[in-house]
Amino acid sequence: MSKKNLAVVKINNQQYLMQEGDTLLLDKVESEVGKNIEVSDVLLKVIDEKVEIGTPIVAKSLVILEVLEQKKGEKIQTLVYKAKSRYRKHSGKRPLITVVKVIKIS
């Protein structure tokens, strides 16, 4: 089994499990393509099979992410229907997504 560094990180009030070298799709993060993002809200990290659990955040921890792309996600459609009243409502959206690559977990 390969010994890769893992981390659970909180970004935009959502938690993501990431490994070094992974490419992830996140909700929109304000940053330019090619820039690095430093995230200090690390809830859990595993480095060389040594587990550190935060209360609620692990002290002196940092995850560096590189922004690869800013794009729109797939279309999400919703339909509201009420029986016997001829009520139908249709809406849809394409959420904004940021594609990032995990550079380093420390």
PDB file of N, CA and C in Angstrom:
ATOM      1  N   MET A   1       0.834  -1.185   0.000  1.00  0.00           N
ATOM      2  CA  MET A   1       0.000   0.000   0.000  1.00  0.00           C
ATOM      3  C   MET A   1       0.875   1.243   0.000  1.00  0.00           C
ATOM      4  N   SER A   2       0.545   2.183  -0.874  1.00  0.00           N
ATOM      5  CA  SER A   2       1.347   3.393  -0.974  1.00  0.00           C
ATOM      6  C   SER A   2       1.059   4.313   0.211  1.00  0.00           C
ATOM      7  N   LYS A   3       2.093   4.988   0.656  1.00  0.00           N
ATOM      8  CA  LYS A   3       1.955   5.893   1.791  1.00  0.00           C
ATOM      9  C   LYS A   3       1.789   7.315   1.268  1.00  0.00           C
ATOM     10  N   LYS A   4       0.537   7.699   1.042  1.00  0.00           N
ATOM     11  CA  LYS A   4       0.261   9.055   0.601  1.00  0.00           C
ATOM     12  C   LYS A   4      -0.326   9.842   1.754  1.00  0.00           C
ATOM     13  N   ASN A   5      -0.096  11.137   1.705  1.00  0.00           N
ATOM     14  CA  ASN A   5      -0.626  12.007   2.737  1.00  0.00           C
ATOM     15  C   ASN A   5      -2.089  12.312   2.445  1.00  0.00           C
ATOM     16  N   LEU A   6      -2.929  12.239   3.477  1.00  0.00           N
ATOM     17  CA  LEU A   6      -4.360  12.507   3.371  1.00  0.00           C
ATOM     18  C   LEU A   6      -4.726  13.690   4.242  1.00  0.00           C
ATOM     19  N   ALA A   7      -5.837  14.353   3.884  1.00  0.00           N
ATOM     20  CA  ALA A   7      -6.349  15.435   4.717  1.00  0.00           C
ATOM     21  C   ALA A   7      -7.840  15.603   4.467  1.00  0.00           C
ATOM     22  N   VAL A   8      -8.551  15.994   5.514  1.00  0.00           N
ATOM     23  CA  VAL A   8      -9.942  16.424   5.395  1.00  0.00           C
ATOM     24  C   VAL A   8      -9.929  17.926   5.635  1.00  0.00           C
ATOM     25  N   VAL A   9     -10.384  18.675   4.623  1.00  0.00           N
ATOM     26  CA  VAL A   9     -10.266  20.123   4.630  1.00  0.00           C
ATOM     27  C   VAL A   9     -11.644  20.754   4.503  1.00  0.00           C
ATOM     28  N   LYS A  10     -11.847  21.872   5.190  1.00  0.00           N
ATOM     29  CA  LYS A  10     -13.110  22.606   5.106  1.00  0.00           C
ATOM     30  C   LYS A  10     -12.919  23.824   4.206  1.00  0.00           C
ATOM     31  N   ILE A  11     -13.662  23.829   3.082  1.00  0.00           N
ATOM     32  CA  ILE A  11     -13.626  24.938   2.131  1.00  0.00           C
ATOM     33  C   ILE A  11     -15.067  25.314   1.816  1.00  0.00           C
ATOM     34  N   ASN A  12     -15.415  26.582   1.959  1.00  0.00           N
ATOM     35  CA  ASN A  12     -16.777  27.076   1.689  1.00  0.00           C
ATOM     36  C   ASN A  12     -17.830  26.292   2.463  1.00  0.00           C
ATOM     37  N   ASN A  13     -17.578  26.001   3.726  1.00  0.00           N
ATOM     38  CA  ASN A  13     -18.498  25.261   4.594  1.00  0.00           C
ATOM     39  C   ASN A  13     -18.807  23.862   4.089  1.00  0.00           C
ATOM     40  N   GLN A  14     -17.931  23.268   3.313  1.00  0.00           N
ATOM     41  CA  GLN A  14     -18.044  21.873   2.899  1.00  0.00           C
ATOM     42  C   GLN A  14     -16.722  21.180   3.187  1.00  0.00           C
ATOM     43  N   GLN A  15     -16.817  19.880   3.496  1.00  0.00           N
ATOM     44  CA  GLN A  15     -15.612  19.127   3.831  1.00  0.00           C
ATOM     45  C   GLN A  15     -15.210  18.254   2.647  1.00  0.00           C
ATOM     46  N   TYR A  16     -13.913  18.223   2.350  1.00  0.00           N
ATOM     47  CA  TYR A  16     -13.380  17.451   1.240  1.00  0.00           C
ATOM     48  C   TYR A  16     -12.242  16.571   1.742  1.00  0.00           C
ATOM     49  N   LEU A  17     -12.246  15.303   1.290  1.00  0.00           N
ATOM     50  CA  LEU A  17     -11.149  14.384   1.561  1.00  0.00           C
ATOM     51  C   LEU A  17     -10.208  14.445   0.381  1.00  0.00           C
ATOM     52  N   MET A  18      -8.925  14.695   0.641  1.00  0.00           N
ATOM     53  CA  MET A  18      -7.977  14.837  -0.467  1.00  0.00           C
ATOM     54  C   MET A  18      -6.649  14.170  -0.162  1.00  0.00           C
ATOM     55  N   GLN A  19      -5.995  13.731  -1.242  1.00  0.00           N
ATOM     56  CA  GLN A  19      -4.658  13.146  -1.199  1.00  0.00           C
ATOM     57  C   GLN A  19      -3.739  14.012  -2.026  1.00  0.00           C
ATOM     58  N   GLU A  20      -2.446  13.943  -1.757  1.00  0.00           N
ATOM     59  CA  GLU A  20      -1.490  14.685  -2.580  1.00  0.00           C
ATOM     60  C   GLU A  20      -1.530  14.154  -4.005  1.00  0.00           C
ATOM     61  N   GLY A  21      -1.621  15.068  -4.960  1.00  0.00           N
ATOM     62  CA  GLY A  21      -1.658  14.691  -6.368  1.00  0.00           C
ATOM     63  C   GLY A  21      -3.062  14.534  -6.935  1.00  0.00           C
ATOM     64  N   ASP A  22      -4.090  14.570  -6.089  1.00  0.00           N
ATOM     65  CA  ASP A  22      -5.476  14.429  -6.554  1.00  0.00           C
ATOM     66  C   ASP A  22      -5.945  15.688  -7.274  1.00  0.00           C
ATOM     67  N   THR A  23      -6.898  15.502  -8.189  1.00  0.00           N
ATOM     68  CA  THR A  23      -7.588  16.604  -8.832  1.00  0.00           C
ATOM     69  C   THR A  23      -9.030  16.582  -8.355  1.00  0.00           C
ATOM     70  N   LEU A  24      -9.513  17.707  -7.845  1.00  0.00           N
ATOM     71  CA  LEU A  24     -10.838  17.769  -7.236  1.00  0.00           C
ATOM     72  C   LEU A  24     -11.695  18.845  -7.885  1.00  0.00           C
ATOM     73  N   LEU A  25     -13.012  18.643  -7.829  1.00  0.00           N
ATOM     74  CA  LEU A  25     -13.985  19.644  -8.240  1.00  0.00           C
ATOM     75  C   LEU A  25     -14.584  20.253  -6.984  1.00  0.00           C
ATOM     76  N   LEU A  26     -14.398  21.548  -6.786  1.00  0.00           N
ATOM     77  CA  LEU A  26     -14.917  22.250  -5.623  1.00  0.00           C
ATOM     78  C   LEU A  26     -15.978  23.241  -6.071  1.00  0.00           C
ATOM     79  N   ASP A  27     -16.827  23.657  -5.121  1.00  0.00           N
ATOM     80  CA  ASP A  27     -17.696  24.789  -5.400  1.00  0.00           C
ATOM     81  C   ASP A  27     -16.804  25.998  -5.652  1.00  0.00           C
ATOM     82  N   LYS A  28     -17.343  26.997  -6.319  1.00  0.00           N
ATOM     83  CA  LYS A  28     -16.559  28.146  -6.757  1.00  0.00           C
ATOM     84  C   LYS A  28     -15.709  28.744  -5.639  1.00  0.00           C
ATOM     85  N   VAL A  29     -14.414  28.871  -5.925  1.00  0.00           N
ATOM     86  CA  VAL A  29     -13.456  29.508  -5.022  1.00  0.00           C
ATOM     87  C   VAL A  29     -12.887  30.707  -5.773  1.00  0.00           C
ATOM     88  N   GLU A  30     -12.911  31.876  -5.152  1.00  0.00           N
ATOM     89  CA  GLU A  30     -12.419  33.088  -5.806  1.00  0.00           C
ATOM     90  C   GLU A  30     -10.898  33.050  -5.910  1.00  0.00           C
ATOM     91  N   SER A  31     -10.402  32.738  -7.104  1.00  0.00           N
ATOM     92  CA  SER A  31      -8.970  32.735  -7.372  1.00  0.00           C
ATOM     93  C   SER A  31      -8.761  32.664  -8.873  1.00  0.00           C
ATOM     94  N   GLU A  32      -7.591  33.070  -9.316  1.00  0.00           N
ATOM     95  CA  GLU A  32      -7.271  33.035 -10.739  1.00  0.00           C
ATOM     96  C   GLU A  32      -6.654  31.690 -11.103  1.00  0.00           C
ATOM     97  N   VAL A  33      -6.785  31.332 -12.383  1.00  0.00           N
ATOM     98  CA  VAL A  33      -6.205  30.086 -12.884  1.00  0.00           C
ATOM     99  C   VAL A  33      -4.681  30.182 -12.812  1.00  0.00           C
ATOM    100  N   GLY A  34      -4.043  29.126 -12.291  1.00  0.00           N
ATOM    101  CA  GLY A  34      -2.598  29.091 -12.162  1.00  0.00           C
ATOM    102  C   GLY A  34      -2.087  29.537 -10.799  1.00  0.00           C
ATOM    103  N   LYS A  35      -2.927  30.169 -10.013  1.00  0.00           N
ATOM    104  CA  LYS A  35      -2.524  30.624  -8.682  1.00  0.00           C
ATOM    105  C   LYS A  35      -2.661  29.488  -7.668  1.00  0.00           C
ATOM    106  N   ASN A  36      -1.971  29.613  -6.546  1.00  0.00           N
ATOM    107  CA  ASN A  36      -2.063  28.641  -5.464  1.00  0.00           C
ATOM    108  C   ASN A  36      -2.971  29.167  -4.359  1.00  0.00           C
ATOM    109  N   ILE A  37      -3.710  28.246  -3.733  1.00  0.00           N
ATOM    110  CA  ILE A  37      -4.567  28.568  -2.607  1.00  0.00           C
ATOM    111  C   ILE A  37      -4.016  27.841  -1.389  1.00  0.00           C
ATOM    112  N   GLU A  38      -3.871  28.553  -0.280  1.00  0.00           N
ATOM    113  CA  GLU A  38      -3.430  27.935   0.967  1.00  0.00           C
ATOM    114  C   GLU A  38      -4.640  27.821   1.898  1.00  0.00           C
ATOM    115  N   VAL A  39      -4.948  26.594   2.313  1.00  0.00           N
ATOM    116  CA  VAL A  39      -6.092  26.335   3.180  1.00  0.00           C
ATOM    117  C   VAL A  39      -5.568  25.899   4.550  1.00  0.00           C
ATOM    118  N   SER A  40      -5.985  26.626   5.589  1.00  0.00           N
ATOM    119  CA  SER A  40      -5.512  26.289   6.935  1.00  0.00           C
ATOM    120  C   SER A  40      -6.593  25.617   7.779  1.00  0.00           C
ATOM    121  N   ASP A  41      -7.812  25.471   7.228  1.00  0.00           N
ATOM    122  CA  ASP A  41      -8.890  24.785   7.953  1.00  0.00           C
ATOM    123  C   ASP A  41      -8.803  23.283   7.721  1.00  0.00           C
ATOM    124  N   VAL A  42      -7.804  22.647   8.324  1.00  0.00           N
ATOM    125  CA  VAL A  42      -7.581  21.209   8.198  1.00  0.00           C
ATOM    126  C   VAL A  42      -8.205  20.528   9.407  1.00  0.00           C
ATOM    127  N   LEU A  43      -9.162  19.647   9.168  1.00  0.00           N
ATOM    128  CA  LEU A  43      -9.876  18.981  10.253  1.00  0.00           C
ATOM    129  C   LEU A  43      -9.199  17.683  10.668  1.00  0.00           C
ATOM    130  N   LEU A  44      -8.536  17.020   9.714  1.00  0.00           N
ATOM    131  CA  LEU A  44      -7.842  15.763   9.989  1.00  0.00           C
ATOM    132  C   LEU A  44      -6.723  15.626   8.979  1.00  0.00           C
ATOM    133  N   LYS A  45      -5.589  15.104   9.413  1.00  0.00           N
ATOM    134  CA  LYS A  45      -4.524  14.836   8.444  1.00  0.00           C
ATOM    135  C   LYS A  45      -3.782  13.567   8.825  1.00  0.00           C
ATOM    136  N   VAL A  46      -3.341  12.858   7.798  1.00  0.00           N
ATOM    137  CA  VAL A  46      -2.580  11.620   7.957  1.00  0.00           C
ATOM    138  C   VAL A  46      -1.297  11.798   7.159  1.00  0.00           C
ATOM    139  N   ILE A  47      -0.162  11.821   7.875  1.00  0.00           N
ATOM    140  CA  ILE A  47       1.141  11.934   7.228  1.00  0.00           C
ATOM    141  C   ILE A  47       1.994  10.775   7.706  1.00  0.00           C
ATOM    142  N   ASP A  48       2.423   9.932   6.754  1.00  0.00           N
ATOM    143  CA  ASP A  48       3.238   8.748   7.051  1.00  0.00           C
ATOM    144  C   ASP A  48       2.596   7.877   8.134  1.00  0.00           C
ATOM    145  N   GLU A  49       1.304   7.602   7.978  1.00  0.00           N
ATOM    146  CA  GLU A  49       0.505   6.770   8.875  1.00  0.00           C
ATOM    147  C   GLU A  49       0.383   7.345  10.288  1.00  0.00           C
ATOM    148  N   LYS A  50       0.718   8.626  10.473  1.00  0.00           N
ATOM    149  CA  LYS A  50       0.522   9.298  11.749  1.00  0.00           C
ATOM    150  C   LYS A  50      -0.733  10.165  11.618  1.00  0.00           C
ATOM    151  N   VAL A  51      -1.752   9.865  12.417  1.00  0.00           N
ATOM    152  CA  VAL A  51      -3.047  10.522  12.317  1.00  0.00           C
ATOM    153  C   VAL A  51      -3.126  11.654  13.331  1.00  0.00           C
ATOM    154  N   GLU A  52      -3.534  12.849  12.851  1.00  0.00           N
ATOM    155  CA  GLU A  52      -3.771  13.985  13.731  1.00  0.00           C
ATOM    156  C   GLU A  52      -5.210  14.439  13.526  1.00  0.00           C
ATOM    157  N   ILE A  53      -5.977  14.493  14.613  1.00  0.00           N
ATOM    158  CA  ILE A  53      -7.371  14.903  14.563  1.00  0.00           C
ATOM    159  C   ILE A  53      -7.486  16.264  15.236  1.00  0.00           C
ATOM    160  N   GLY A  54      -8.130  17.187  14.566  1.00  0.00           N
ATOM    161  CA  GLY A  54      -8.261  18.538  15.087  1.00  0.00           C
ATOM    162  C   GLY A  54      -9.402  18.681  16.067  1.00  0.00           C
ATOM    163  N   THR A  55      -9.316  19.718  16.900  1.00  0.00           N
ATOM    164  CA  THR A  55     -10.386  20.013  17.859  1.00  0.00           C
ATOM    165  C   THR A  55     -10.778  21.475  17.753  1.00  0.00           C
ATOM    166  N   PRO A  56     -11.439  21.977  16.786  1.00  0.00           N
ATOM    167  CA  PRO A  56     -11.875  21.330  15.554  1.00  0.00           C
ATOM    168  C   PRO A  56     -10.845  21.397  14.432  1.00  0.00           C
ATOM    169  N   ILE A  57      -9.775  22.207  14.559  1.00  0.00           N
ATOM    170  CA  ILE A  57      -8.796  22.374  13.483  1.00  0.00           C
ATOM    171  C   ILE A  57      -7.427  21.926  13.981  1.00  0.00           C
ATOM    172  N   VAL A  58      -6.681  21.224  13.122  1.00  0.00           N
ATOM    173  CA  VAL A  58      -5.323  20.795  13.452  1.00  0.00           C
ATOM    174  C   VAL A  58      -4.414  22.026  13.402  1.00  0.00           C
ATOM    175  N   ALA A  59      -3.693  22.284  14.486  1.00  0.00           N
ATOM    176  CA  ALA A  59      -2.827  23.460  14.569  1.00  0.00           C
ATOM    177  C   ALA A  59      -1.624  23.312  13.643  1.00  0.00           C
ATOM    178  N   LYS A  60      -1.200  24.423  13.081  1.00  0.00           N
ATOM    179  CA  LYS A  60      -0.014  24.505  12.215  1.00  0.00           C
ATOM    180  C   LYS A  60      -0.084  23.537  11.041  1.00  0.00           C
ATOM    181  N   SER A  61      -1.266  23.420  10.434  1.00  0.00           N
ATOM    182  CA  SER A  61      -1.448  22.565   9.259  1.00  0.00           C
ATOM    183  C   SER A  61      -1.796  23.431   8.071  1.00  0.00           C
ATOM    184  N   LEU A  62      -1.373  22.981   6.901  1.00  0.00           N
ATOM    185  CA  LEU A  62      -1.598  23.753   5.692  1.00  0.00           C
ATOM    186  C   LEU A  62      -1.735  22.813   4.502  1.00  0.00           C
ATOM    187  N   VAL A  63      -2.689  23.091   3.645  1.00  0.00           N
ATOM    188  CA  VAL A  63      -2.851  22.355   2.396  1.00  0.00           C
ATOM    189  C   VAL A  63      -2.737  23.367   1.268  1.00  0.00           C
ATOM    190  N   ILE A  64      -1.879  23.078   0.302  1.00  0.00           N
ATOM    191  CA  ILE A  64      -1.671  23.976  -0.835  1.00  0.00           C
ATOM    192  C   ILE A  64      -2.340  23.373  -2.058  1.00  0.00           C
ATOM    193  N   LEU A  65      -3.241  24.159  -2.675  1.00  0.00           N
ATOM    194  CA  LEU A  65      -3.988  23.739  -3.857  1.00  0.00           C
ATOM    195  C   LEU A  65      -3.631  24.648  -5.021  1.00  0.00           C
ATOM    196  N   GLU A  66      -3.537  24.074  -6.219  1.00  0.00           N
ATOM    197  CA  GLU A  66      -3.307  24.860  -7.426  1.00  0.00           C
ATOM    198  C   GLU A  66      -4.592  24.898  -8.232  1.00  0.00           C
ATOM    199  N   VAL A  67      -5.024  26.088  -8.630  1.00  0.00           N
ATOM    200  CA  VAL A  67      -6.248  26.239  -9.415  1.00  0.00           C
ATOM    201  C   VAL A  67      -5.936  25.918 -10.873  1.00  0.00           C
ATOM    202  N   LEU A  68      -6.617  24.878 -11.408  1.00  0.00           N
ATOM    203  CA  LEU A  68      -6.401  24.473 -12.786  1.00  0.00           C
ATOM    204  C   LEU A  68      -7.408  25.111 -13.739  1.00  0.00           C
ATOM    205  N   GLU A  69      -8.654  25.283 -13.267  1.00  0.00           N
ATOM    206  CA  GLU A  69      -9.697  25.737 -14.177  1.00  0.00           C
ATOM    207  C   GLU A  69     -10.884  26.285 -13.391  1.00  0.00           C
ATOM    208  N   GLN A  70     -11.546  27.292 -13.959  1.00  0.00           N
ATOM    209  CA  GLN A  70     -12.825  27.808 -13.457  1.00  0.00           C
ATOM    210  C   GLN A  70     -13.846  27.524 -14.554  1.00  0.00           C
ATOM    211  N   LYS A  71     -14.914  26.807 -14.243  1.00  0.00           N
ATOM    212  CA  LYS A  71     -15.883  26.449 -15.282  1.00  0.00           C
ATOM    213  C   LYS A  71     -17.271  26.272 -14.685  1.00  0.00           C
ATOM    214  N   LYS A  72     -18.226  26.021 -15.580  1.00  0.00           N
ATOM    215  CA  LYS A  72     -19.583  25.714 -15.159  1.00  0.00           C
ATOM    216  C   LYS A  72     -19.755  24.206 -15.116  1.00  0.00           C
ATOM    217  N   GLY A  73     -20.530  23.734 -14.148  1.00  0.00           N
ATOM    218  CA  GLY A  73     -20.780  22.303 -14.011  1.00  0.00           C
ATOM    219  C   GLY A  73     -21.893  21.846 -14.934  1.00  0.00           C
ATOM    220  N   GLU A  74     -22.325  20.616 -14.730  1.00  0.00           N
ATOM    221  CA  GLU A  74     -23.414  20.077 -15.528  1.00  0.00           C
ATOM    222  C   GLU A  74     -24.734  20.705 -15.109  1.00  0.00           C
ATOM    223  N   LYS A  75     -25.681  20.720 -16.029  1.00  0.00           N
ATOM    224  CA  LYS A  75     -26.973  21.328 -15.778  1.00  0.00           C
ATOM    225  C   LYS A  75     -27.770  20.512 -14.774  1.00  0.00           C
ATOM    226  N   ILE A  76     -28.361  21.205 -13.807  1.00  0.00           N
ATOM    227  CA  ILE A  76     -29.221  20.579 -12.806  1.00  0.00           C
ATOM    228  C   ILE A  76     -30.631  21.119 -13.026  1.00  0.00           C
ATOM    229  N   GLN A  77     -31.582  20.229 -13.242  1.00  0.00           N
ATOM    230  CA  GLN A  77     -32.955  20.644 -13.490  1.00  0.00           C
ATOM    231  C   GLN A  77     -33.854  20.155 -12.364  1.00  0.00           C
ATOM    232  N   THR A  78     -34.785  21.020 -11.955  1.00  0.00           N
ATOM    233  CA  THR A  78     -35.748  20.647 -10.924  1.00  0.00           C
ATOM    234  C   THR A  78     -37.158  20.879 -11.451  1.00  0.00           C
ATOM    235  N   LEU A  79     -38.077  20.063 -11.015  1.00  0.00           N
ATOM    236  CA  LEU A  79     -39.463  20.173 -11.423  1.00  0.00           C
ATOM    237  C   LEU A  79     -40.338  20.011 -10.196  1.00  0.00           C
ATOM    238  N   VAL A  80     -41.237  20.963  -9.973  1.00  0.00           N
ATOM    239  CA  VAL A  80     -42.192  20.894  -8.882  1.00  0.00           C
ATOM    240  C   VAL A  80     -43.550  20.599  -9.499  1.00  0.00           C
ATOM    241  N   TYR A  81     -44.248  19.623  -8.958  1.00  0.00           N
ATOM    242  CA  TYR A  81     -45.523  19.186  -9.515  1.00  0.00           C
ATOM    243  C   TYR A  81     -46.490  18.937  -8.374  1.00  0.00           C
ATOM    244  N   LYS A  82     -47.679  19.495  -8.476  1.00  0.00           N
ATOM    245  CA  LYS A  82     -48.720  19.236  -7.497  1.00  0.00           C
ATOM    246  C   LYS A  82     -49.894  18.577  -8.208  1.00  0.00           C
ATOM    247  N   ALA A  83     -50.279  17.424  -7.722  1.00  0.00           N
ATOM    248  CA  ALA A  83     -51.328  16.650  -8.360  1.00  0.00           C
ATOM    249  C   ALA A  83     -52.685  17.351  -8.255  1.00  0.00           C
ATOM    250  N   LYS A  84     -53.490  17.168  -9.261  1.00  0.00           N
ATOM    251  CA  LYS A  84     -54.895  17.614  -9.318  1.00  0.00           C
ATOM    252  C   LYS A  84     -55.085  19.128  -9.252  1.00  0.00           C
ATOM    253  N   SER A  85     -54.020  19.905  -9.389  1.00  0.00           N
ATOM    254  CA  SER A  85     -54.197  21.353  -9.338  1.00  0.00           C
ATOM    255  C   SER A  85     -53.588  22.057 -10.549  1.00  0.00           C
ATOM    256  N   ARG A  86     -53.056  21.285 -11.485  1.00  0.00           N
ATOM    257  CA  ARG A  86     -52.437  21.804 -12.709  1.00  0.00           C
ATOM    258  C   ARG A  86     -51.283  22.763 -12.416  1.00  0.00           C
ATOM    259  N   TYR A  87     -50.539  22.496 -11.360  1.00  0.00           N
ATOM    260  CA  TYR A  87     -49.409  23.341 -10.980  1.00  0.00           C
ATOM    261  C   TYR A  87     -48.110  22.628 -11.331  1.00  0.00           C
ATOM    262  N   ARG A  88     -47.329  23.262 -12.181  1.00  0.00           N
ATOM    263  CA  ARG A  88     -46.021  22.741 -12.547  1.00  0.00           C
ATOM    264  C   ARG A  88     -45.042  23.916 -12.603  1.00  0.00           C
ATOM    265  N   LYS A  89     -43.861  23.694 -12.064  1.00  0.00           N
ATOM    266  CA  LYS A  89     -42.848  24.737 -12.083  1.00  0.00           C
ATOM    267  C   LYS A  89     -41.509  24.079 -12.416  1.00  0.00           C
ATOM    268  N   HIS A  90     -40.827  24.614 -13.404  1.00  0.00           N
ATOM    269  CA  HIS A  90     -39.567  24.047 -13.864  1.00  0.00           C
ATOM    270  C   HIS A  90     -38.478  25.099 -13.714  1.00  0.00           C
ATOM    271  N   SER A  91     -37.330  24.697 -13.184  1.00  0.00           N
ATOM    272  CA  SER A  91     -36.185  25.596 -13.100  1.00  0.00           C
ATOM    273  C   SER A  91     -34.913  24.787 -13.261  1.00  0.00           C
ATOM    274  N   GLY A  92     -33.823  25.468 -13.569  1.00  0.00           N
ATOM    275  CA  GLY A  92     -32.545  24.785 -13.740  1.00  0.00           C
ATOM    276  C   GLY A  92     -31.398  25.743 -13.497  1.00  0.00           C
ATOM    277  N   LYS A  93     -30.213  25.184 -13.365  1.00  0.00           N
ATOM    278  CA  LYS A  93     -29.024  26.003 -13.156  1.00  0.00           C
ATOM    279  C   LYS A  93     -27.787  25.206 -13.537  1.00  0.00           C
ATOM    280  N   ARG A  94     -26.698  25.920 -13.732  1.00  0.00           N
ATOM    281  CA  ARG A  94     -25.390  25.305 -13.931  1.00  0.00           C
ATOM    282  C   ARG A  94     -24.461  25.902 -12.884  1.00  0.00           C
ATOM    283  N   PRO A  95     -24.111  25.126 -11.848  1.00  0.00           N
ATOM    284  CA  PRO A  95     -23.277  25.685 -10.779  1.00  0.00           C
ATOM    285  C   PRO A  95     -21.856  25.982 -11.250  1.00  0.00           C
ATOM    286  N   LEU A  96     -21.251  26.980 -10.654  1.00  0.00           N
ATOM    287  CA  LEU A  96     -19.865  27.330 -10.957  1.00  0.00           C
ATOM    288  C   LEU A  96     -18.930  26.417 -10.172  1.00  0.00           C
ATOM    289  N   ILE A  97     -17.906  25.908 -10.849  1.00  0.00           N
ATOM    290  CA  ILE A  97     -17.006  24.902 -10.270  1.00  0.00           C
ATOM    291  C   ILE A  97     -15.556  25.360 -10.446  1.00  0.00           C
ATOM    292  N   THR A  98     -14.743  25.053  -9.457  1.00  0.00           N
ATOM    293  CA  THR A  98     -13.302  25.303  -9.532  1.00  0.00           C
ATOM    294  C   THR A  98     -12.603  23.944  -9.510  1.00  0.00           C
ATOM    295  N   VAL A  99     -11.749  23.703 -10.488  1.00  0.00           N
ATOM    296  CA  VAL A  99     -10.958  22.478 -10.557  1.00  0.00           C
ATOM    297  C   VAL A  99      -9.589  22.774  -9.952  1.00  0.00           C
ATOM    298  N   VAL A 100      -9.220  21.993  -8.918  1.00  0.00           N
ATOM    299  CA  VAL A 100      -7.948  22.219  -8.228  1.00  0.00           C
ATOM    300  C   VAL A 100      -7.157  20.917  -8.151  1.00  0.00           C
ATOM    301  N   LYS A 101      -5.843  21.087  -8.007  1.00  0.00           N
ATOM    302  CA  LYS A 101      -4.937  19.948  -7.803  1.00  0.00           C
ATOM    303  C   LYS A 101      -4.244  20.144  -6.471  1.00  0.00           C
ATOM    304  N   VAL A 102      -4.174  19.057  -5.676  1.00  0.00           N
ATOM    305  CA  VAL A 102      -3.529  19.127  -4.364  1.00  0.00           C
ATOM    306  C   VAL A 102      -2.031  19.034  -4.559  1.00  0.00           C
ATOM    307  N   ILE A 103      -1.322  20.076  -4.157  1.00  0.00           N
ATOM    308  CA  ILE A 103       0.138  20.121  -4.318  1.00  0.00           C
ATOM    309  C   ILE A 103       0.844  19.523  -3.108  1.00  0.00           C
ATOM    310  N   LYS A 104       0.477  20.020  -1.900  1.00  0.00           N
ATOM    311  CA  LYS A 104       1.198  19.598  -0.712  1.00  0.00           C
ATOM    312  C   LYS A 104       0.289  19.615   0.519  1.00  0.00           C
ATOM    313  N   ILE A 105       0.443  18.621   1.371  1.00  0.00           N
ATOM    314  CA  ILE A 105      -0.250  18.566   2.660  1.00  0.00           C
ATOM    315  C   ILE A 105       0.815  18.570   3.742  1.00  0.00           C
ATOM    316  N   SER A 106       0.779  19.578   4.614  1.00  0.00           N
ATOM    317  CA  SER A 106       1.790  19.646   5.672  1.00  0.00           C
ATOM    318  C   SER A 106       1.166  20.061   6.990  1.00  0.00           C
TER     319      SER A 106
END
